Amino acid sequence: AISLRNSSIFFAVLFSFFLRESLSRLQIIGALIIGV
């Protein structure tokens, strides 16, 4: 449950773009891996 619930990290990264927060390329890759 908590592992799948952690897909919220992927969504949080998407929302962070709307908040104009800067993320490195490595962090974006990390978000995609979480989605997988």
All heavy atoms as atom14 arrays in JSON, in Angstrom:
{
  "sequence": "AISLRNSSIFFAVLFSFFLRESLSRLQIIGALIIGV",
  "atom14_mask": [
    [1, 1, 1, 1, 1, 0, 0, 0, 0, 0, 0, 0, 0, 0],
    [1, 1, 1, 1, 1, 1, 1, 1, 0, 0, 0, 0, 0, 0],
    [1, 1, 1, 1, 1, 1, 0, 0, 0, 0, 0, 0, 0, 0],
    [1, 1, 1, 1, 1, 1, 1, 1, 0, 0, 0, 0, 0, 0],
    [1, 1, 1, 1, 1, 1, 1, 1, 1, 1, 1, 0, 0, 0],
    [1, 1, 1, 1, 1, 1, 1, 1, 0, 0, 0, 0, 0, 0],
    [1, 1, 1, 1, 1, 1, 0, 0, 0, 0, 0, 0, 0, 0],
    [1, 1, 1, 1, 1, 1, 0, 0, 0, 0, 0, 0, 0, 0],
    [1, 1, 1, 1, 1, 1, 1, 1, 0, 0, 0, 0, 0, 0],
    [1, 1, 1, 1, 1, 1, 1, 1, 1, 1, 1, 0, 0, 0],
    [1, 1, 1, 1, 1, 1, 1, 1, 1, 1, 1, 0, 0, 0],
    [1, 1, 1, 1, 1, 0, 0, 0, 0, 0, 0, 0, 0, 0],
    [1, 1, 1, 1, 1, 1, 1, 0, 0, 0, 0, 0, 0, 0],
    [1, 1, 1, 1, 1, 1, 1, 1, 0, 0, 0, 0, 0, 0],
    [1, 1, 1, 1, 1, 1, 1, 1, 1, 1, 1, 0, 0, 0],
    [1, 1, 1, 1, 1, 1, 0, 0, 0, 0, 0, 0, 0, 0],
    [1, 1, 1, 1, 1, 1, 1, 1, 1, 1, 1, 0, 0, 0],
    [1, 1, 1, 1, 1, 1, 1, 1, 1, 1, 1, 0, 0, 0],
    [1, 1, 1, 1, 1, 1, 1, 1, 0, 0, 0, 0, 0, 0],
    [1, 1, 1, 1, 1, 1, 1, 1, 1, 1, 1, 0, 0, 0],
    [1, 1, 1, 1, 1, 1, 1, 1, 1, 0, 0, 0, 0, 0],
    [1, 1, 1, 1, 1, 1, 0, 0, 0, 0, 0, 0, 0, 0],
    [1, 1, 1, 1, 1, 1, 1, 1, 0, 0, 0, 0, 0, 0],
    [1, 1, 1, 1, 1, 1, 0, 0, 0, 0, 0, 0, 0, 0],
    [1, 1, 1, 1, 1, 1, 1, 1, 1, 1, 1, 0, 0, 0],
    [1, 1, 1, 1, 1, 1, 1, 1, 0, 0, 0, 0, 0, 0],
    [1, 1, 1, 1, 1, 1, 1, 1, 1, 0, 0, 0, 0, 0],
    [1, 1, 1, 1, 1, 1, 1, 1, 0, 0, 0, 0, 0, 0],
    [1, 1, 1, 1, 1, 1, 1, 1, 0, 0, 0, 0, 0, 0],
    [1, 1, 1, 1, 0, 0, 0, 0, 0, 0, 0, 0, 0, 0],
    [1, 1, 1, 1, 1, 0, 0, 0, 0, 0, 0, 0, 0, 0],
    [1, 1, 1, 1, 1, 1, 1, 1, 0, 0, 0, 0, 0, 0],
    [1, 1, 1, 1, 1, 1, 1, 1, 0, 0, 0, 0, 0, 0],
    [1, 1, 1, 1, 1, 1, 1, 1, 0, 0, 0, 0, 0, 0],
    [1, 1, 1, 1, 0, 0, 0, 0, 0, 0, 0, 0, 0, 0],
    [1, 1, 1, 1, 1, 1, 1, 0, 0, 0, 0, 0, 0, 0]
  ],
  "atom14_positions": [
    [[0.82, -1.21, 0.0], [0.0, 0.0, 0.0], [0.85, 1.26, 0.0], [0.63, 2.18, -0.79], [-0.94, 0.0, 1.22], [0.0, 0.0, 0.0], [0.0, 0.0, 0.0], [0.0, 0.0, 0.0], [0.0, 0.0, 0.0], [0.0, 0.0, 0.0], [0.0, 0.0, 0.0], [0.0, 0.0, 0.0], [0.0, 0.0, 0.0], [0.0, 0.0, 0.0]],
    [[1.85, 1.31, 0.87], [2.65, 2.54, 0.94], [3.55, 2.69, -0.28], [3.84, 3.8, -0.72], [3.47, 2.62, 2.24], [3.96, 4.05, 2.46], [4.65, 1.64, 2.22], [4.55, 4.31, 3.81], [0.0, 0.0, 0.0], [0.0, 0.0, 0.0], [0.0, 0.0, 0.0], [0.0, 0.0, 0.0], [0.0, 0.0, 0.0], [0.0, 0.0, 0.0]],
    [[3.98, 1.57, -0.87], [4.8, 1.67, -2.08], [4.01, 2.25, -3.23], [4.46, 3.16, -3.94], [5.35, 0.29, -2.46], [6.21, -0.2, -1.46], [0.0, 0.0, 0.0], [0.0, 0.0, 0.0], [0.0, 0.0, 0.0], [0.0, 0.0, 0.0], [0.0, 0.0, 0.0], [0.0, 0.0, 0.0], [0.0, 0.0, 0.0], [0.0, 0.0, 0.0]],
    [[2.79, 1.74, -3.43], [1.96, 2.27, -4.5], [1.5, 3.68, -4.17], [1.4, 4.54, -5.05], [0.75, 1.36, -4.72], [-0.13, 1.71, -5.93], [0.72, 1.77, -7.2], [-1.24, 0.68, -6.1], [0.0, 0.0, 0.0], [0.0, 0.0, 0.0], [0.0, 0.0, 0.0], [0.0, 0.0, 0.0], [0.0, 0.0, 0.0], [0.0, 0.0, 0.0]],
    [[1.25, 3.94, -2.91], [0.86, 5.3, -2.48], [1.97, 6.3, -2.8], [1.71, 7.48, -3.0], [0.57, 5.27, -0.99], [0.04, 6.54, -0.38], [-1.35, 6.87, -0.91], [-2.1, 7.67, 0.02], [-1.8, 8.91, 0.39], [-0.74, 9.5, -0.13], [-2.55, 9.57, 1.24], [0.0, 0.0, 0.0], [0.0, 0.0, 0.0], [0.0, 0.0, 0.0]],
    [[3.21, 5.8, -2.87], [4.33, 6.67, -3.18], [4.37, 7.13, -4.62], [5.23, 7.92, -5.01], [5.66, 5.98, -2.83], [6.04, 6.2, -1.38], [5.44, 7.0, -0.68], [7.05, 5.48, -0.92], [0.0, 0.0, 0.0], [0.0, 0.0, 0.0], [0.0, 0.0, 0.0], [0.0, 0.0, 0.0], [0.0, 0.0, 0.0], [0.0, 0.0, 0.0]],
    [[3.44, 6.64, -5.44], [3.3, 7.21, -6.78], [2.91, 8.68, -6.68], [3.03, 9.44, -7.65], [2.26, 6.44, -7.58], [0.98, 6.51, -6.96], [0.0, 0.0, 0.0], [0.0, 0.0, 0.0], [0.0, 0.0, 0.0], [0.0, 0.0, 0.0], [0.0, 0.0, 0.0], [0.0, 0.0, 0.0], [0.0, 0.0, 0.0], [0.0, 0.0, 0.0]],
    [[2.46, 9.1, -5.5], [2.15, 10.51, -5.29], [3.39, 11.38, -5.47], [3.27, 12.58, -5.76], [1.56, 10.72, -3.88], [2.47, 10.28, -2.89], [0.0, 0.0, 0.0], [0.0, 0.0, 0.0], [0.0, 0.0, 0.0], [0.0, 0.0, 0.0], [0.0, 0.0, 0.0], [0.0, 0.0, 0.0], [0.0, 0.0, 0.0], [0.0, 0.0, 0.0]],
    [[4.58, 10.79, -5.29], [5.82, 11.54, -5.53], [5.88, 11.97, -6.99], [6.27, 13.09, -7.32], [7.05, 10.69, -5.16], [7.02, 10.32, -3.68], [8.34, 11.42, -5.5], [8.09, 9.32, -3.29], [0.0, 0.0, 0.0], [0.0, 0.0, 0.0], [0.0, 0.0, 0.0], [0.0, 0.0, 0.0], [0.0, 0.0, 0.0], [0.0, 0.0, 0.0]],
    [[5.48, 11.05, -7.89], [5.45, 11.37, -9.31], [4.5, 12.52, -9.58], [4.82, 13.47, -10.31], [5.02, 10.13, -10.1], [4.83, 10.36, -11.58], [5.92, 10.49, -12.42], [3.56, 10.46, -12.11], [5.74, 10.7, -13.78], [3.37, 10.67, -13.46], [4.47, 10.8, -14.3], [0.0, 0.0, 0.0], [0.0, 0.0, 0.0], [0.0, 0.0, 0.0]],
    [[3.32, 12.48, -8.96], [2.35, 13.56, -9.15], [2.86, 14.86, -8.53], [2.61, 15.95, -9.07], [1.01, 13.17, -8.52], [0.37, 11.97, -9.15], [0.01, 10.87, -8.38], [0.13, 11.92, -10.51], [-0.59, 9.76, -8.96], [-0.46, 10.81, -11.11], [-0.82, 9.73, -10.32], [0.0, 0.0, 0.0], [0.0, 0.0, 0.0], [0.0, 0.0, 0.0]],
    [[3.56, 14.75, -7.39], [4.1, 15.94, -6.74], [5.11, 16.65, -7.63], [5.17, 17.89, -7.66], [4.76, 15.57, -5.4], [0.0, 0.0, 0.0], [0.0, 0.0, 0.0], [0.0, 0.0, 0.0], [0.0, 0.0, 0.0], [0.0, 0.0, 0.0], [0.0, 0.0, 0.0], [0.0, 0.0, 0.0], [0.0, 0.0, 0.0], [0.0, 0.0, 0.0]],
    [[5.9, 15.87, -8.37], [6.85, 16.47, -9.3], [6.12, 17.22, -10.41], [6.52, 18.33, -10.8], [7.77, 15.39, -9.91], [8.62, 15.97, -11.03], [8.67, 14.82, -8.83], [0.0, 0.0, 0.0], [0.0, 0.0, 0.0], [0.0, 0.0, 0.0], [0.0, 0.0, 0.0], [0.0, 0.0, 0.0], [0.0, 0.0, 0.0], [0.0, 0.0, 0.0]],
    [[5.04, 16.66, -10.91], [4.25, 17.35, -11.93], [3.7, 18.66, -11.39], [3.76, 19.7, -12.05], [3.1, 16.45, -12.4], [3.47, 15.16, -13.14], [2.2, 14.41, -13.53], [4.29, 15.47, -14.38], [0.0, 0.0, 0.0], [0.0, 0.0, 0.0], [0.0, 0.0, 0.0], [0.0, 0.0, 0.0], [0.0, 0.0, 0.0], [0.0, 0.0, 0.0]],
    [[3.19, 18.61, -10.16], [2.64, 19.83, -9.56], [3.75, 20.85, -9.3], [3.49, 22.06, -9.3], [1.91, 19.5, -8.25], [0.6, 18.78, -8.45], [0.33, 17.6, -7.77], [-0.35, 19.27, -9.32], [-0.87, 16.93, -7.96], [-1.56, 18.61, -9.52], [-1.82, 17.44, -8.83], [0.0, 0.0, 0.0], [0.0, 0.0, 0.0], [0.0, 0.0, 0.0]],
    [[4.96, 20.38, -9.03], [6.06, 21.31, -8.74], [6.37, 22.2, -9.93], [6.86, 23.32, -9.77], [7.32, 20.53, -8.31], [7.9, 19.86, -9.41], [0.0, 0.0, 0.0], [0.0, 0.0, 0.0], [0.0, 0.0, 0.0], [0.0, 0.0, 0.0], [0.0, 0.0, 0.0], [0.0, 0.0, 0.0], [0.0, 0.0, 0.0], [0.0, 0.0, 0.0]],
    [[6.1, 21.7, -11.15], [6.29, 22.54, -12.33], [5.34, 23.73, -12.31], [5.7, 24.84, -12.71], [6.09, 21.73, -13.61], [7.24, 20.83, -13.94], [7.14, 19.46, -13.77], [8.44, 21.33, -14.4], [8.2, 18.62, -14.07], [9.52, 20.51, -14.7], [9.39, 19.14, -14.53], [0.0, 0.0, 0.0], [0.0, 0.0, 0.0], [0.0, 0.0, 0.0]],
    [[4.12, 23.49, -11.84], [3.15, 24.58, -11.75], [3.55, 25.59, -10.67], [3.17, 26.76, -10.73], [1.76, 24.03, -11.46], [1.18, 23.21, -12.58], [1.21, 21.83, -12.53], [0.63, 23.83, -13.69], [0.67, 21.07, -13.57], [0.09, 23.08, -14.74], [0.13, 21.7, -14.68], [0.0, 0.0, 0.0], [0.0, 0.0, 0.0], [0.0, 0.0, 0.0]],
    [[4.31, 25.12, -9.68], [4.82, 26.01, -8.64], [6.13, 26.67, -9.05], [6.73, 27.4, -8.29], [5.03, 25.23, -7.33], [3.76, 24.65, -6.68], [4.13, 23.8, -5.47], [2.81, 25.76, -6.28], [0.0, 0.0, 0.0], [0.0, 0.0, 0.0], [0.0, 0.0, 0.0], [0.0, 0.0, 0.0], [0.0, 0.0, 0.0], [0.0, 0.0, 0.0]],
    [[6.58, 26.37, -10.28], [7.8, 26.94, -10.86], [9.05, 26.58, -10.05], [9.97, 27.4, -9.88], [7.68, 28.46, -11.0], [6.56, 28.88, -11.94], [6.48, 30.39, -12.08], [5.4, 30.77, -13.01], [5.08, 32.01, -13.32], [5.76, 33.02, -12.76], [4.1, 32.26, -14.16], [0.0, 0.0, 0.0], [0.0, 0.0, 0.0], [0.0, 0.0, 0.0]],
    [[9.07, 25.36, -9.53], [10.25, 24.87, -8.84], [11.18, 24.21, -9.85], [10.72, 23.52, -10.76], [9.86, 23.87, -7.75], [9.04, 24.48, -6.64], [8.67, 23.46, -5.58], [8.86, 22.26, -5.81], [8.18, 23.87, -4.52], [0.0, 0.0, 0.0], [0.0, 0.0, 0.0], [0.0, 0.0, 0.0], [0.0, 0.0, 0.0], [0.0, 0.0, 0.0]],
    [[12.46, 24.42, -9.67], [13.43, 23.86, -10.61], [13.85, 22.47, -10.16], [14.14, 22.24, -8.99], [14.66, 24.76, -10.7], [15.28, 24.9, -9.44], [0.0, 0.0, 0.0], [0.0, 0.0, 0.0], [0.0, 0.0, 0.0], [0.0, 0.0, 0.0], [0.0, 0.0, 0.0], [0.0, 0.0, 0.0], [0.0, 0.0, 0.0], [0.0, 0.0, 0.0]],
    [[13.88, 21.53, -11.11], [14.34, 20.17, -10.85], [15.43, 19.81, -11.85], [15.38, 20.22, -13.01], [13.18, 19.17, -10.98], [12.07, 19.24, -9.92], [10.93, 18.33, -10.32], [12.61, 18.85, -8.56], [0.0, 0.0, 0.0], [0.0, 0.0, 0.0], [0.0, 0.0, 0.0], [0.0, 0.0, 0.0], [0.0, 0.0, 0.0], [0.0, 0.0, 0.0]],
    [[16.41, 19.06, -11.38], [17.49, 18.65, -12.27], [17.0, 17.54, -13.19], [15.95, 16.93, -12.96], [18.68, 18.15, -11.45], [18.35, 16.95, -10.77], [0.0, 0.0, 0.0], [0.0, 0.0, 0.0], [0.0, 0.0, 0.0], [0.0, 0.0, 0.0], [0.0, 0.0, 0.0], [0.0, 0.0, 0.0], [0.0, 0.0, 0.0], [0.0, 0.0, 0.0]],
    [[17.77, 17.26, -14.23], [17.42, 16.18, -15.14], [17.39, 14.84, -14.4], [16.54, 13.99, -14.68], [18.44, 16.13, -16.28], [18.12, 15.09, -17.35], [19.13, 15.15, -18.48], [19.16, 16.48, -19.09], [20.04, 16.84, -20.03], [20.94, 15.96, -20.46], [20.0, 18.04, -20.54], [0.0, 0.0, 0.0], [0.0, 0.0, 0.0], [0.0, 0.0, 0.0]],
    [[18.31, 14.68, -13.44], [18.36, 13.45, -12.66], [17.09, 13.27, -11.84], [16.56, 12.16, -11.72], [19.58, 13.48, -11.74], [20.03, 12.14, -11.13], [20.48, 11.19, -12.24], [21.17, 12.38, -10.15], [0.0, 0.0, 0.0], [0.0, 0.0, 0.0], [0.0, 0.0, 0.0], [0.0, 0.0, 0.0], [0.0, 0.0, 0.0], [0.0, 0.0, 0.0]],
    [[16.57, 14.35, -11.3], [15.36, 14.28, -10.5], [14.13, 13.97, -11.37], [13.23, 13.25, -10.94], [15.16, 15.59, -9.74], [16.19, 15.78, -8.62], [16.09, 17.16, -7.99], [16.1, 18.17, -8.69], [16.01, 17.2, -6.67], [0.0, 0.0, 0.0], [0.0, 0.0, 0.0], [0.0, 0.0, 0.0], [0.0, 0.0, 0.0], [0.0, 0.0, 0.0]],
    [[14.1, 14.5, -12.58], [13.01, 14.2, -13.49], [13.01, 12.72, -13.87], [11.97, 12.06, -13.92], [13.1, 15.08, -14.75], [12.87, 16.55, -14.37], [12.07, 14.65, -15.79], [13.1, 17.52, -15.5], [0.0, 0.0, 0.0], [0.0, 0.0, 0.0], [0.0, 0.0, 0.0], [0.0, 0.0, 0.0], [0.0, 0.0, 0.0], [0.0, 0.0, 0.0]],
    [[14.22, 12.18, -14.11], [14.35, 10.75, -14.4], [13.85, 9.93, -13.21], [13.17, 8.92, -13.36], [15.81, 10.39, -14.72], [16.24, 11.04, -16.04], [15.99, 8.87, -14.79], [17.7, 10.89, -16.36], [0.0, 0.0, 0.0], [0.0, 0.0, 0.0], [0.0, 0.0, 0.0], [0.0, 0.0, 0.0], [0.0, 0.0, 0.0], [0.0, 0.0, 0.0]],
    [[14.18, 10.4, -12.0], [13.71, 9.72, -10.8], [12.2, 9.67, -10.72], [11.62, 8.65, -10.34], [0.0, 0.0, 0.0], [0.0, 0.0, 0.0], [0.0, 0.0, 0.0], [0.0, 0.0, 0.0], [0.0, 0.0, 0.0], [0.0, 0.0, 0.0], [0.0, 0.0, 0.0], [0.0, 0.0, 0.0], [0.0, 0.0, 0.0], [0.0, 0.0, 0.0]],
    [[11.54, 10.76, -11.11], [10.07, 10.8, -11.1], [9.49, 9.8, -12.08], [8.5, 9.11, -11.8], [9.59, 12.21, -11.43], [0.0, 0.0, 0.0], [0.0, 0.0, 0.0], [0.0, 0.0, 0.0], [0.0, 0.0, 0.0], [0.0, 0.0, 0.0], [0.0, 0.0, 0.0], [0.0, 0.0, 0.0], [0.0, 0.0, 0.0], [0.0, 0.0, 0.0]],
    [[10.12, 9.68, -13.26], [9.65, 8.73, -14.26], [9.82, 7.29, -13.78], [8.96, 6.43, -14.01], [10.39, 8.95, -15.58], [10.12, 10.28, -16.29], [11.03, 10.43, -17.51], [8.67, 10.4, -16.68], [0.0, 0.0, 0.0], [0.0, 0.0, 0.0], [0.0, 0.0, 0.0], [0.0, 0.0, 0.0], [0.0, 0.0, 0.0], [0.0, 0.0, 0.0]],
    [[10.94, 7.02, -13.09], [11.18, 5.69, -12.54], [10.12, 5.35, -11.5], [9.63, 4.21, -11.42], [12.6, 5.59, -11.94], [13.65, 5.69, -13.05], [12.77, 4.28, -11.16], [15.07, 5.75, -12.55], [0.0, 0.0, 0.0], [0.0, 0.0, 0.0], [0.0, 0.0, 0.0], [0.0, 0.0, 0.0], [0.0, 0.0, 0.0], [0.0, 0.0, 0.0]],
    [[9.73, 6.33, -10.69], [8.68, 6.12, -9.7], [7.37, 5.76, -10.4], [6.62, 4.89, -9.94], [8.5, 7.38, -8.82], [9.72, 7.53, -7.9], [7.22, 7.3, -8.0], [9.75, 8.84, -7.17], [0.0, 0.0, 0.0], [0.0, 0.0, 0.0], [0.0, 0.0, 0.0], [0.0, 0.0, 0.0], [0.0, 0.0, 0.0], [0.0, 0.0, 0.0]],
    [[7.1, 6.43, -11.51], [5.89, 6.11, -12.28], [5.9, 4.67, -12.76], [4.88, 3.97, -12.69], [0.0, 0.0, 0.0], [0.0, 0.0, 0.0], [0.0, 0.0, 0.0], [0.0, 0.0, 0.0], [0.0, 0.0, 0.0], [0.0, 0.0, 0.0], [0.0, 0.0, 0.0], [0.0, 0.0, 0.0], [0.0, 0.0, 0.0], [0.0, 0.0, 0.0]],
    [[7.06, 4.19, -13.24], [7.19, 2.8, -13.67], [6.99, 1.86, -12.48], [6.32, 0.83, -12.59], [8.56, 2.55, -14.32], [8.77, 1.07, -14.62], [8.69, 3.37, -15.61], [0.0, 0.0, 0.0], [0.0, 0.0, 0.0], [0.0, 0.0, 0.0], [0.0, 0.0, 0.0], [0.0, 0.0, 0.0], [0.0, 0.0, 0.0], [0.0, 0.0, 0.0]]
  ]
}
